Amino acid sequence: MYTEMIVRLLIITALSGLIGYERETRKDLVRGTAGLRTHILVGLGATLLVLLTIYSFPVVYGTQADLGRLASYIVMGIGFLGAGTIMGMKGKLIGLTTAASIWLVAAIGISVGLGAYFPALFTTAIALIILELWRFEKKLPFKEYK
């Protein structure tokens, strides 16, 4: 049981770390936005909450614990954290993609906590590709970049 928990926590550390690293290395982002450590902590927290629900409270008063309810609370809580990363500067929103990546890392954490490794890995790969689209976007004539 503990070995499986440790493996899941290490997997989410790596997956959320990849997304956090991408956010950290972006040169055009405002200093102080959520980066490597924040993404790892969000992923770890989501995974840990799922693991605690699965392993510590498998049966509560004769019924299985409701993992769907837990996931909805995690997503709602992360929404508040993500909102804190969004800033308005000169009529523009900054940090929206980072807020979305924090939300996604929580979802990946839920997936890893449930043992759904392939969807978590595949989603991380897709997210990294999407986060690199800024290189293409900045070449579009209607986009403004610093």
N, C-alpha and C. Protein backbone atom coordinates (compact mmCIF):
# COMPACT_ATOMS: atom_id res chain seq x y z
N MET A 1 0.82 -1.19 0.00
CA MET A 1 0.00 0.00 0.00
C MET A 1 0.87 1.26 0.00
N TYR A 2 1.83 1.34 0.92
CA TYR A 2 2.66 2.54 0.99
C TYR A 2 3.56 2.68 -0.23
N THR A 3 4.03 1.56 -0.77
CA THR A 3 4.86 1.61 -1.97
C THR A 3 4.07 2.21 -3.13
N GLU A 4 2.83 1.78 -3.30
CA GLU A 4 1.98 2.33 -4.35
C GLU A 4 1.74 3.82 -4.15
N MET A 5 1.53 4.24 -2.91
CA MET A 5 1.34 5.66 -2.62
C MET A 5 2.59 6.47 -3.00
N ILE A 6 3.75 5.96 -2.62
CA ILE A 6 5.01 6.65 -2.92
C ILE A 6 5.22 6.74 -4.42
N VAL A 7 4.95 5.67 -5.13
CA VAL A 7 5.10 5.67 -6.60
C VAL A 7 4.19 6.73 -7.21
N ARG A 8 2.95 6.79 -6.77
CA ARG A 8 2.01 7.76 -7.32
C ARG A 8 2.45 9.19 -7.01
N LEU A 9 2.94 9.41 -5.82
CA LEU A 9 3.41 10.76 -5.45
C LEU A 9 4.65 11.15 -6.26
N LEU A 10 5.52 10.20 -6.52
CA LEU A 10 6.70 10.49 -7.34
C LEU A 10 6.31 10.75 -8.80
N ILE A 11 5.34 10.02 -9.29
CA ILE A 11 4.88 10.22 -10.67
C ILE A 11 4.29 11.62 -10.83
N ILE A 12 3.43 12.03 -9.91
CA ILE A 12 2.84 13.37 -10.05
C ILE A 12 3.88 14.45 -9.84
N THR A 13 4.88 14.19 -9.04
CA THR A 13 5.96 15.17 -8.88
C THR A 13 6.65 15.40 -10.22
N ALA A 14 6.92 14.33 -10.93
CA ALA A 14 7.58 14.44 -12.24
C ALA A 14 6.67 15.11 -13.27
N LEU A 15 5.42 14.67 -13.35
CA LEU A 15 4.51 15.21 -14.36
C LEU A 15 4.19 16.68 -14.12
N SER A 16 3.85 17.02 -12.89
CA SER A 16 3.54 18.42 -12.60
C SER A 16 4.81 19.28 -12.67
N GLY A 17 5.94 18.67 -12.37
CA GLY A 17 7.21 19.38 -12.49
C GLY A 17 7.53 19.77 -13.92
N LEU A 18 7.18 18.90 -14.85
CA LEU A 18 7.39 19.22 -16.27
C LEU A 18 6.58 20.45 -16.69
N ILE A 19 5.34 20.48 -16.28
CA ILE A 19 4.50 21.63 -16.63
C ILE A 19 4.97 22.88 -15.89
N GLY A 20 5.30 22.73 -14.64
CA GLY A 20 5.81 23.87 -13.87
C GLY A 20 7.12 24.40 -14.42
N TYR A 21 7.97 23.50 -14.89
CA TYR A 21 9.25 23.91 -15.49
C TYR A 21 9.01 24.74 -16.74
N GLU A 22 8.04 24.32 -17.55
CA GLU A 22 7.73 25.08 -18.76
C GLU A 22 7.26 26.49 -18.38
N ARG A 23 6.42 26.60 -17.38
CA ARG A 23 5.94 27.91 -16.93
C ARG A 23 7.08 28.75 -16.39
N GLU A 24 8.00 28.10 -15.70
CA GLU A 24 9.13 28.80 -15.06
C GLU A 24 10.10 29.35 -16.10
N THR A 25 10.27 28.65 -17.19
CA THR A 25 11.29 29.03 -18.16
C THR A 25 10.79 30.01 -19.21
N ARG A 26 9.52 30.34 -19.21
CA ARG A 26 9.00 31.29 -20.19
C ARG A 26 9.57 32.67 -19.91
N LYS A 27 10.21 33.24 -20.87
CA LYS A 27 10.86 34.54 -20.71
C LYS A 27 9.87 35.70 -20.68
N ASP A 28 8.73 35.55 -21.34
CA ASP A 28 7.79 36.67 -21.46
C ASP A 28 6.76 36.73 -20.34
N LEU A 29 6.81 35.81 -19.39
CA LEU A 29 5.84 35.82 -18.30
C LEU A 29 6.23 36.84 -17.25
N VAL A 30 5.25 37.33 -16.55
CA VAL A 30 5.50 38.28 -15.47
C VAL A 30 6.21 37.55 -14.33
N ARG A 31 7.21 38.17 -13.79
CA ARG A 31 7.96 37.58 -12.68
C ARG A 31 7.02 37.34 -11.50
N GLY A 32 7.14 36.21 -10.88
CA GLY A 32 6.33 35.90 -9.71
C GLY A 32 5.11 35.04 -10.01
N THR A 33 4.88 34.69 -11.30
CA THR A 33 3.75 33.81 -11.59
C THR A 33 4.08 32.40 -11.12
N ALA A 34 3.06 31.60 -11.02
CA ALA A 34 3.24 30.23 -10.54
C ALA A 34 4.17 29.45 -11.46
N GLY A 35 5.17 28.83 -10.87
CA GLY A 35 6.16 28.10 -11.65
C GLY A 35 6.33 26.68 -11.17
N LEU A 36 7.55 26.24 -11.14
CA LEU A 36 7.89 24.85 -10.84
C LEU A 36 7.34 24.39 -9.49
N ARG A 37 7.69 25.08 -8.44
CA ARG A 37 7.29 24.64 -7.10
C ARG A 37 5.78 24.66 -6.91
N THR A 38 5.12 25.71 -7.40
CA THR A 38 3.68 25.80 -7.24
C THR A 38 2.97 24.66 -7.95
N HIS A 39 3.37 24.37 -9.16
CA HIS A 39 2.73 23.28 -9.91
C HIS A 39 2.96 21.93 -9.23
N ILE A 40 4.16 21.70 -8.75
CA ILE A 40 4.43 20.43 -8.05
C ILE A 40 3.58 20.33 -6.79
N LEU A 41 3.50 21.40 -6.03
CA LEU A 41 2.71 21.36 -4.80
C LEU A 41 1.23 21.14 -5.06
N VAL A 42 0.70 21.76 -6.10
CA VAL A 42 -0.71 21.55 -6.45
C VAL A 42 -0.94 20.10 -6.85
N GLY A 43 -0.08 19.56 -7.70
CA GLY A 43 -0.21 18.16 -8.11
C GLY A 43 -0.09 17.20 -6.94
N LEU A 44 0.89 17.43 -6.08
CA LEU A 44 1.06 16.58 -4.91
C LEU A 44 -0.16 16.64 -3.99
N GLY A 45 -0.67 17.85 -3.78
CA GLY A 45 -1.83 18.00 -2.90
C GLY A 45 -3.05 17.26 -3.43
N ALA A 46 -3.31 17.40 -4.72
CA ALA A 46 -4.47 16.72 -5.31
C ALA A 46 -4.31 15.20 -5.22
N THR A 47 -3.10 14.72 -5.53
CA THR A 47 -2.85 13.28 -5.47
C THR A 47 -2.98 12.76 -4.04
N LEU A 48 -2.41 13.48 -3.11
CA LEU A 48 -2.47 13.06 -1.71
C LEU A 48 -3.91 12.98 -1.21
N LEU A 49 -4.72 13.96 -1.56
CA LEU A 49 -6.12 13.92 -1.12
C LEU A 49 -6.85 12.71 -1.69
N VAL A 50 -6.57 12.38 -2.93
CA VAL A 50 -7.20 11.19 -3.53
C VAL A 50 -6.69 9.93 -2.84
N LEU A 51 -5.38 9.86 -2.60
CA LEU A 51 -4.82 8.68 -1.94
C LEU A 51 -5.39 8.50 -0.53
N LEU A 52 -5.53 9.59 0.19
CA LEU A 52 -6.11 9.50 1.54
C LEU A 52 -7.54 9.00 1.47
N THR A 53 -8.28 9.45 0.49
CA THR A 53 -9.66 9.00 0.35
C THR A 53 -9.72 7.51 0.00
N ILE A 54 -8.85 7.08 -0.90
CA ILE A 54 -8.86 5.68 -1.32
C ILE A 54 -8.40 4.75 -0.21
N TYR A 55 -7.27 5.08 0.41
CA TYR A 55 -6.65 4.15 1.36
C TYR A 55 -7.06 4.35 2.81
N SER A 56 -7.42 5.55 3.20
CA SER A 56 -7.75 5.79 4.61
C SER A 56 -9.23 5.67 4.90
N PHE A 57 -10.05 6.00 3.90
CA PHE A 57 -11.49 5.99 4.12
C PHE A 57 -12.21 5.17 3.05
N PRO A 58 -11.83 3.90 2.87
CA PRO A 58 -12.48 3.14 1.79
C PRO A 58 -13.96 2.89 2.05
N VAL A 59 -14.33 2.72 3.28
CA VAL A 59 -15.73 2.48 3.60
C VAL A 59 -16.11 3.38 4.78
N VAL A 60 -17.06 4.24 4.55
CA VAL A 60 -17.53 5.15 5.60
C VAL A 60 -18.99 4.82 5.87
N TYR A 61 -19.29 4.37 7.05
CA TYR A 61 -20.66 4.02 7.44
C TYR A 61 -21.29 3.04 6.45
N GLY A 62 -20.52 2.06 6.01
CA GLY A 62 -21.05 1.01 5.16
C GLY A 62 -21.14 1.33 3.68
N THR A 63 -20.72 2.51 3.28
CA THR A 63 -20.74 2.86 1.86
C THR A 63 -19.35 3.32 1.41
N GLN A 64 -19.08 3.17 0.15
CA GLN A 64 -17.80 3.60 -0.42
C GLN A 64 -17.71 5.12 -0.40
N ALA A 65 -16.52 5.65 -0.09
CA ALA A 65 -16.32 7.10 -0.10
C ALA A 65 -16.55 7.63 -1.52
N ASP A 66 -17.10 8.82 -1.62
CA ASP A 66 -17.46 9.41 -2.91
C ASP A 66 -16.27 10.16 -3.49
N LEU A 67 -15.55 9.52 -4.42
CA LEU A 67 -14.39 10.14 -5.04
C LEU A 67 -14.78 11.29 -5.96
N GLY A 68 -15.94 11.24 -6.54
CA GLY A 68 -16.41 12.33 -7.39
C GLY A 68 -16.59 13.62 -6.61
N ARG A 69 -17.10 13.50 -5.42
CA ARG A 69 -17.28 14.68 -4.57
C ARG A 69 -15.92 15.27 -4.20
N LEU A 70 -14.98 14.41 -3.85
CA LEU A 70 -13.64 14.89 -3.51
C LEU A 70 -13.01 15.62 -4.69
N ALA A 71 -13.12 15.05 -5.88
CA ALA A 71 -12.54 15.68 -7.07
C ALA A 71 -13.16 17.05 -7.30
N SER A 72 -14.47 17.17 -7.10
CA SER A 72 -15.11 18.47 -7.33
C SER A 72 -14.62 19.51 -6.32
N TYR A 73 -14.36 19.10 -5.10
CA TYR A 73 -13.83 20.03 -4.10
C TYR A 73 -12.40 20.46 -4.44
N ILE A 74 -11.61 19.52 -4.94
CA ILE A 74 -10.24 19.86 -5.35
C ILE A 74 -10.28 20.88 -6.48
N VAL A 75 -11.10 20.62 -7.48
CA VAL A 75 -11.20 21.53 -8.62
C VAL A 75 -11.67 22.91 -8.18
N MET A 76 -12.64 22.96 -7.28
CA MET A 76 -13.15 24.24 -6.80
C MET A 76 -12.05 24.99 -6.03
N GLY A 77 -11.34 24.30 -5.17
CA GLY A 77 -10.28 24.94 -4.41
C GLY A 77 -9.16 25.46 -5.30
N ILE A 78 -8.82 24.71 -6.31
CA ILE A 78 -7.77 25.12 -7.24
C ILE A 78 -8.24 26.34 -8.03
N GLY A 79 -9.53 26.46 -8.27
CA GLY A 79 -10.06 27.63 -8.96
C GLY A 79 -9.72 28.91 -8.23
N PHE A 80 -9.79 28.89 -6.91
CA PHE A 80 -9.42 30.06 -6.12
C PHE A 80 -7.93 30.35 -6.23
N LEU A 81 -7.13 29.31 -6.19
CA LEU A 81 -5.68 29.48 -6.32
C LEU A 81 -5.34 30.04 -7.70
N GLY A 82 -5.98 29.49 -8.73
CA GLY A 82 -5.74 29.96 -10.09
C GLY A 82 -6.14 31.41 -10.27
N ALA A 83 -7.26 31.80 -9.65
CA ALA A 83 -7.71 33.19 -9.75
C ALA A 83 -6.67 34.15 -9.19
N GLY A 84 -5.94 33.70 -8.19
CA GLY A 84 -4.90 34.53 -7.61
C GLY A 84 -3.71 34.74 -8.52
N THR A 85 -3.55 33.91 -9.54
CA THR A 85 -2.41 34.07 -10.46
C THR A 85 -2.73 34.99 -11.62
N ILE A 86 -3.99 35.36 -11.78
CA ILE A 86 -4.40 36.21 -12.89
C ILE A 86 -4.32 37.66 -12.46
N MET A 87 -3.63 38.46 -13.24
CA MET A 87 -3.48 39.88 -12.93
C MET A 87 -3.95 40.70 -14.12
N GLY A 88 -4.47 41.88 -13.84
CA GLY A 88 -4.82 42.81 -14.90
C GLY A 88 -3.75 43.88 -15.00
N MET A 89 -3.19 44.04 -16.18
CA MET A 89 -2.17 45.06 -16.39
C MET A 89 -2.46 45.78 -17.71
N LYS A 90 -2.70 47.08 -17.61
CA LYS A 90 -2.92 47.91 -18.80
C LYS A 90 -4.00 47.33 -19.70
N GLY A 91 -5.10 46.91 -19.11
CA GLY A 91 -6.21 46.40 -19.90
C GLY A 91 -6.03 44.99 -20.42
N LYS A 92 -4.98 44.30 -20.00
CA LYS A 92 -4.73 42.93 -20.46
C LYS A 92 -4.73 41.99 -19.26
N LEU A 93 -5.18 40.77 -19.51
CA LEU A 93 -5.11 39.75 -18.47
C LEU A 93 -3.78 39.01 -18.61
N ILE A 94 -3.10 38.88 -17.51
CA ILE A 94 -1.83 38.16 -17.51
C ILE A 94 -1.94 37.04 -16.50
N GLY A 95 -1.48 35.86 -16.87
CA GLY A 95 -1.48 34.72 -15.96
C GLY A 95 -2.61 33.75 -16.19
N LEU A 96 -3.43 33.98 -17.19
CA LEU A 96 -4.57 33.10 -17.43
C LEU A 96 -4.11 31.69 -17.83
N THR A 97 -3.09 31.60 -18.67
CA THR A 97 -2.58 30.28 -19.06
C THR A 97 -1.97 29.57 -17.87
N THR A 98 -1.27 30.31 -17.03
CA THR A 98 -0.70 29.70 -15.82
C THR A 98 -1.80 29.20 -14.90
N ALA A 99 -2.87 29.98 -14.75
CA ALA A 99 -4.00 29.55 -13.93
C ALA A 99 -4.61 28.26 -14.50
N ALA A 100 -4.73 28.20 -15.82
CA ALA A 100 -5.26 27.00 -16.46
C ALA A 100 -4.33 25.82 -16.25
N SER A 101 -3.02 26.06 -16.29
CA SER A 101 -2.07 24.96 -16.09
C SER A 101 -2.11 24.45 -14.65
N ILE A 102 -2.35 25.34 -13.70
CA ILE A 102 -2.50 24.91 -12.30
C ILE A 102 -3.74 24.02 -12.16
N TRP A 103 -4.82 24.43 -12.79
CA TRP A 103 -6.05 23.65 -12.76
C TRP A 103 -5.82 22.27 -13.38
N LEU A 104 -5.11 22.25 -14.51
CA LEU A 104 -4.82 21.00 -15.20
C LEU A 104 -3.93 20.09 -14.36
N VAL A 105 -2.94 20.66 -13.69
CA VAL A 105 -2.05 19.86 -12.83
C VAL A 105 -2.86 19.20 -11.71
N ALA A 106 -3.84 19.90 -11.17
CA ALA A 106 -4.70 19.29 -10.15
C ALA A 106 -5.46 18.10 -10.73
N ALA A 107 -5.96 18.25 -11.95
CA ALA A 107 -6.67 17.14 -12.61
C ALA A 107 -5.73 15.97 -12.87
N ILE A 108 -4.52 16.27 -13.28
CA ILE A 108 -3.52 15.21 -13.48
C ILE A 108 -3.21 14.53 -12.15
N GLY A 109 -3.15 15.32 -11.09
CA GLY A 109 -2.93 14.76 -9.75
C GLY A 109 -4.05 13.83 -9.33
N ILE A 110 -5.28 14.20 -9.63
CA ILE A 110 -6.42 13.32 -9.33
C ILE A 110 -6.28 12.02 -10.12
N SER A 111 -5.91 12.14 -11.38
CA SER A 111 -5.74 10.97 -12.24
C SER A 111 -4.67 10.03 -11.69
N VAL A 112 -3.53 10.58 -11.32
CA VAL A 112 -2.44 9.76 -10.77
C VAL A 112 -2.87 9.14 -9.45
N GLY A 113 -3.55 9.93 -8.61
CA GLY A 113 -4.03 9.40 -7.33
C GLY A 113 -4.94 8.20 -7.51
N LEU A 114 -5.72 8.21 -8.59
CA LEU A 114 -6.63 7.10 -8.87
C LEU A 114 -5.93 5.94 -9.57
N GLY A 115 -4.65 6.14 -9.93
CA GLY A 115 -3.90 5.09 -10.60
C GLY A 115 -4.07 5.08 -12.11
N ALA A 116 -4.65 6.13 -12.66
CA ALA A 116 -4.83 6.23 -14.11
C ALA A 116 -3.59 6.90 -14.71
N TYR A 117 -2.52 6.12 -14.79
CA TYR A 117 -1.22 6.68 -15.19
C TYR A 117 -1.18 7.09 -16.66
N PHE A 118 -1.72 6.26 -17.55
CA PHE A 118 -1.65 6.59 -18.97
C PHE A 118 -2.36 7.89 -19.30
N PRO A 119 -3.61 8.10 -18.84
CA PRO A 119 -4.25 9.39 -19.12
C PRO A 119 -3.47 10.57 -18.54
N ALA A 120 -2.87 10.37 -17.37
CA ALA A 120 -2.09 11.45 -16.75
C ALA A 120 -0.85 11.76 -17.59
N LEU A 121 -0.16 10.74 -18.03
CA LEU A 121 1.04 10.93 -18.85
C LEU A 121 0.69 11.55 -20.20
N PHE A 122 -0.35 11.04 -20.84
CA PHE A 122 -0.77 11.54 -22.15
C PHE A 122 -1.23 13.00 -22.05
N THR A 123 -1.99 13.31 -21.00
CA THR A 123 -2.45 14.68 -20.79
C THR A 123 -1.28 15.63 -20.55
N THR A 124 -0.29 15.18 -19.78
CA THR A 124 0.91 16.00 -19.56
C THR A 124 1.61 16.28 -20.87
N ALA A 125 1.75 15.27 -21.72
CA ALA A 125 2.40 15.46 -23.02
C ALA A 125 1.63 16.46 -23.87
N ILE A 126 0.32 16.32 -23.92
CA ILE A 126 -0.51 17.25 -24.69
C ILE A 126 -0.37 18.67 -24.12
N ALA A 127 -0.40 18.79 -22.81
CA ALA A 127 -0.28 20.11 -22.17
C ALA A 127 1.04 20.77 -22.53
N LEU A 128 2.12 20.01 -22.52
CA LEU A 128 3.43 20.59 -22.85
C LEU A 128 3.46 21.07 -24.30
N ILE A 129 2.83 20.32 -25.18
CA ILE A 129 2.75 20.75 -26.58
C ILE A 129 1.93 22.04 -26.69
N ILE A 130 0.80 22.08 -26.02
CA ILE A 130 -0.06 23.25 -26.07
C ILE A 130 0.64 24.48 -25.48
N LEU A 131 1.34 24.28 -24.39
CA LEU A 131 2.04 25.41 -23.77
C LEU A 131 3.16 25.96 -24.66
N GLU A 132 3.63 25.16 -25.57
CA GLU A 132 4.66 25.64 -26.50
C GLU A 132 4.07 26.35 -27.73
N LEU A 133 2.76 26.37 -27.85
CA LEU A 133 2.13 27.04 -28.98
C LEU A 133 2.37 28.54 -28.98
N TRP A 134 2.83 29.10 -27.88
CA TRP A 134 3.11 30.53 -27.84
C TRP A 134 4.13 30.93 -28.90
N ARG A 135 5.01 30.00 -29.25
CA ARG A 135 6.00 30.29 -30.30
C ARG A 135 5.31 30.53 -31.63
N PHE A 136 4.24 29.80 -31.89
CA PHE A 136 3.46 29.98 -33.11
C PHE A 136 2.57 31.21 -32.99
N GLU A 137 1.94 31.38 -31.82
CA GLU A 137 1.02 32.49 -31.61
C GLU A 137 1.68 33.85 -31.80
N LYS A 138 2.91 33.98 -31.35
CA LYS A 138 3.55 35.30 -31.43
C LYS A 138 3.84 35.71 -32.87
N LYS A 139 3.75 34.77 -33.80
CA LYS A 139 3.94 35.08 -35.22
C LYS A 139 2.65 35.52 -35.89
N LEU A 140 1.53 35.36 -35.20
CA LEU A 140 0.25 35.76 -35.77
C LEU A 140 0.16 37.29 -35.79
N PRO A 141 -0.41 37.85 -36.85
CA PRO A 141 -0.41 39.31 -36.99
C PRO A 141 -1.27 40.04 -35.96
N PHE A 142 -2.26 39.38 -35.38
CA PHE A 142 -3.16 40.05 -34.44
C PHE A 142 -2.76 39.85 -32.98
N LYS A 143 -1.66 39.14 -32.72
CA LYS A 143 -1.20 38.92 -31.35
C LYS A 143 -0.10 39.90 -31.01
N GLU A 144 -0.13 40.44 -29.79
CA GLU A 144 0.94 41.31 -29.33
C GLU A 144 1.73 40.60 -28.24
N TYR A 145 3.02 40.55 -28.40
CA TYR A 145 3.91 39.97 -27.38
C TYR A 145 4.99 40.98 -27.05
N LYS A 146 5.51 40.89 -25.87
CA LYS A 146 6.60 41.77 -25.44
C LYS A 146 7.87 41.43 -26.18
